[in-house]
Amino acid sequence: MNSKLKLVIYAISAFLVFMLLTWILRLMAGKLPLEDGLWGVYKDSDLLLGLVVAAMITFSHYQKRKLK
């Protein structure tokens, strides 16, 4: 498999894990449903934060892999 494709899959996986953890934490805290949220779960800031976290984790993974 192409290394760039692996990085894209890694980034998508990191984003999905972040969003899943956000959903679980909101569910446990009793903060669902959100009135102005996407699907009643996520705010726009959650999506943006998820993208930033996924990008940082993917970049860190790429740098670590590049050093080996």
C-alpha atoms as a PDB file:
ATOM      1  CA  MET A   1       0.000   0.000   0.000  1.00  0.00           C
ATOM      2  CA  ASN A   2       1.205   3.506  -0.808  1.00  0.00           C
ATOM      3  CA  SER A   3       2.738   5.366   2.150  1.00  0.00           C
ATOM      4  CA  LYS A   4       0.616   8.483   1.497  1.00  0.00           C
ATOM      5  CA  LEU A   5      -2.528   6.384   1.521  1.00  0.00           C
ATOM      6  CA  LYS A   6      -1.460   4.881   4.835  1.00  0.00           C
ATOM      7  CA  LEU A   7      -1.026   8.397   6.270  1.00  0.00           C
ATOM      8  CA  VAL A   8      -4.498   9.397   5.070  1.00  0.00           C
ATOM      9  CA  ILE A   9      -5.998   6.282   6.653  1.00  0.00           C
ATOM     10  CA  TYR A  10      -4.051   7.029   9.852  1.00  0.00           C
ATOM     11  CA  ALA A  11      -5.379  10.615   9.927  1.00  0.00           C
ATOM     12  CA  ILE A  12      -8.974   9.500   9.334  1.00  0.00           C
ATOM     13  CA  SER A  13      -8.640   6.887  12.072  1.00  0.00           C
ATOM     14  CA  ALA A  14      -7.266   9.464  14.517  1.00  0.00           C
ATOM     15  CA  PHE A  15     -10.157  11.814  13.704  1.00  0.00           C
ATOM     16  CA  LEU A  16     -12.753   9.069  14.174  1.00  0.00           C
ATOM     17  CA  VAL A  17     -11.239   7.980  17.498  1.00  0.00           C
ATOM     18  CA  PHE A  18     -11.287  11.593  18.714  1.00  0.00           C
ATOM     19  CA  MET A  19     -14.930  12.005  17.705  1.00  0.00           C
ATOM     20  CA  LEU A  20     -15.869   8.702  19.340  1.00  0.00           C
ATOM     21  CA  LEU A  21     -14.195   9.753  22.597  1.00  0.00           C
ATOM     22  CA  THR A  22     -15.990  13.111  22.436  1.00  0.00           C
ATOM     23  CA  TRP A  23     -19.325  11.339  22.006  1.00  0.00           C
ATOM     24  CA  ILE A  24     -18.634   8.908  24.884  1.00  0.00           C
ATOM     25  CA  LEU A  25     -17.575  11.702  27.244  1.00  0.00           C
ATOM     26  CA  ARG A  26     -20.639  13.814  26.391  1.00  0.00           C
ATOM     27  CA  LEU A  27     -22.883  10.787  26.845  1.00  0.00           C
ATOM     28  CA  MET A  28     -21.388   9.983  30.261  1.00  0.00           C
ATOM     29  CA  ALA A  29     -21.630  13.620  31.367  1.00  0.00           C
ATOM     30  CA  GLY A  30     -25.275  13.860  30.333  1.00  0.00           C
ATOM     31  CA  LYS A  31     -24.605  16.728  27.904  1.00  0.00           C
ATOM     32  CA  LEU A  32     -26.549  15.199  25.004  1.00  0.00           C
ATOM     33  CA  PRO A  33     -28.357  16.172  22.856  1.00  0.00           C
ATOM     34  CA  LEU A  34     -26.947  19.531  21.820  1.00  0.00           C
ATOM     35  CA  GLU A  35     -29.542  21.856  20.337  1.00  0.00           C
ATOM     36  CA  ASP A  36     -27.352  23.447  17.672  1.00  0.00           C
ATOM     37  CA  GLY A  37     -24.962  20.551  17.156  1.00  0.00           C
ATOM     38  CA  LEU A  38     -24.323  18.288  14.210  1.00  0.00           C
ATOM     39  CA  TRP A  39     -26.527  15.178  14.711  1.00  0.00           C
ATOM     40  CA  GLY A  40     -27.236  16.546  18.194  1.00  0.00           C
ATOM     41  CA  VAL A  41     -23.766  15.503  19.340  1.00  0.00           C
ATOM     42  CA  TYR A  42     -20.964  17.639  17.897  1.00  0.00           C
ATOM     43  CA  LYS A  43     -20.446  21.391  17.797  1.00  0.00           C
ATOM     44  CA  ASP A  44     -18.487  23.071  15.018  1.00  0.00           C
ATOM     45  CA  SER A  45     -15.607  23.603  17.406  1.00  0.00           C
ATOM     46  CA  ASP A  46     -15.483  19.846  18.087  1.00  0.00           C
ATOM     47  CA  LEU A  47     -15.054  19.145  14.387  1.00  0.00           C
ATOM     48  CA  LEU A  48     -12.330  21.761  14.035  1.00  0.00           C
ATOM     49  CA  LEU A  49     -10.540  20.520  17.142  1.00  0.00           C
ATOM     50  CA  GLY A  50     -10.785  16.948  15.852  1.00  0.00           C
ATOM     51  CA  LEU A  51      -9.165  17.964  12.572  1.00  0.00           C
ATOM     52  CA  VAL A  52      -6.354  19.785  14.375  1.00  0.00           C
ATOM     53  CA  VAL A  53      -5.704  16.863  16.726  1.00  0.00           C
ATOM     54  CA  ALA A  54      -5.737  14.368  13.840  1.00  0.00           C
ATOM     55  CA  ALA A  55      -3.313  16.531  11.856  1.00  0.00           C
ATOM     56  CA  MET A  56      -0.932  16.853  14.810  1.00  0.00           C
ATOM     57  CA  ILE A  57      -1.006  13.133  15.579  1.00  0.00           C
ATOM     58  CA  THR A  58      -0.485  12.242  11.914  1.00  0.00           C
ATOM     59  CA  PHE A  59       2.406  14.694  11.567  1.00  0.00           C
ATOM     60  CA  SER A  60       4.029  13.274  14.701  1.00  0.00           C
ATOM     61  CA  HIS A  61       3.586   9.744  13.361  1.00  0.00           C
ATOM     62  CA  TYR A  62       5.084  10.776  10.025  1.00  0.00           C
ATOM     63  CA  GLN A  63       8.121  12.386  11.678  1.00  0.00           C
ATOM     64  CA  LYS A  64       8.678   9.349  13.884  1.00  0.00           C
ATOM     65  CA  ARG A  65       8.444   7.031  10.890  1.00  0.00           C
ATOM     66  CA  LYS A  66      10.817   9.233   8.913  1.00  0.00           C
ATOM     67  CA  LEU A  67      13.491   8.988  11.618  1.00  0.00           C
ATOM     68  CA  LYS A  68      13.564   5.195  11.534  1.00  0.00           C
END
